[in-house]
Amino acid sequence: MYTLVVNVRVAAGVVVASLAVALFAARLVAPGPADFYIEPGTGMVLIAIRPGSFMMGSPESEPWRNDDEVLHRVTISRLFYIGKHEVTQAEWTRVMGSNPSHFGNCERCPVEGIDFYQVNTFLSRLNAGTTSMRFRLPTEAEWEYACRAGTSSPYSVGTQLTTAHANIDGRYSADVEDGAAYEKTLPVGTFPPNAWGLNDMHGNVWEWTNDRYGPYIPRQDSDPHGAEIGGKRVIRGGSWHFDANSARCGLRYTHSPQDSGFSLGFRVVGEPTAPRRRR
C-alpha cells in the first residue's frame, strides 16, 4: 500500500486548507510517482529522489580532501526512493525479531552493531513481503547524490558542520570551534533535514552502501556502481564517534562486510517495480 499526499485545491470559491491522504493498491499510479512511500510492515518513510546530474567527489581545494575523492560528473538516470532516516532499532526489530544495538532501549535511535550480511538478510525479508518495491542498499553515487541534495559544498549545510547540525564528535574538528560531543547515537530526526527532506545524512551512524571500494571508474558517468572485485565495502556519512571531516559528502570510508560496531548502520533504498500486466 502506498500513502500519497494529495493537494486539495480551491473549489467553488471555498478554500480547503487541508491535505488528504489516499490509499492506493500496491503500485505507483498515474500521473506520476509519489513524493514518498511508506513501507507498510515497518512504517519506514522513503523519500523520492528524482533523476539528475551532480559533481561526485571533492575539489582539490576542499579541506581534508583525500586522493580517492576525484571530482567527476555523474548522472542518476532513474528515480529511486531512499530512507528519510537511518533504519531504527524498532524497524529492525519488527523485521528481524531482535535488536543487536549497543545503544539499545531507544526505538527511534538507529540500529547499529550490524554487518553487511545481516543488512542484506533484513532487505531480503522486506522484499519477501512486497511485489511493489524492491529494497536494497544505495550505491555510493546514489548516497552522495542524496546527501548533497543539490549542493556542492563539503556538507549539505555549507562549508562547516558542528554539533548543532549533526551528531558528530566536535572535539576533534580542526576547522571550526566546537568542542562538543553527544557520545552516543541519538533518535533519528533530532536535527533538521537537508533540502531534499533527508535526516542524518551527516553523522549519527556510518551507513553501509552496496558498492565495493575502488578508484572511481573513468567514463562510467551514468548510474555507476563500485569496483567489480574487492574485499571492502564503502560506508558513508560519519558518525557520533567521528569528527566533522568524516561526515563530508565526498568522504569515502570502508569496512569489511563482516565488520560491525556501535557506530555502523544503514538506510534503505527502494526501487518501484513495474506493475504486472493482467491477462
Foldseek 3Di string as FASTA:
>chain_A
DWWAWDDDCDDPNDGDPDIDIDDDPLAADPPDGGQWGAQVQQRFIWGKDAKDKDWFFADPPQPPGDPLRDTDMATEHHIKTWTLWFAFQSSQCSQPVDAPAPPPPPRQWHGFQDFLVVVVVSQVSSVVVGDFKRKDFAALVVLLCQQCVPHREQGVVHPDDEVQAAQAQACPDPPDDHNDAPPAADGWPPHAGGPRNHTQLAARAWAWGPAADDHDDPPNRYRDGHDPDHQKTWIAHYYRYHHRNRRTSNHTDIDGRVDTDNRYGHIMMIDTDDDDDDD
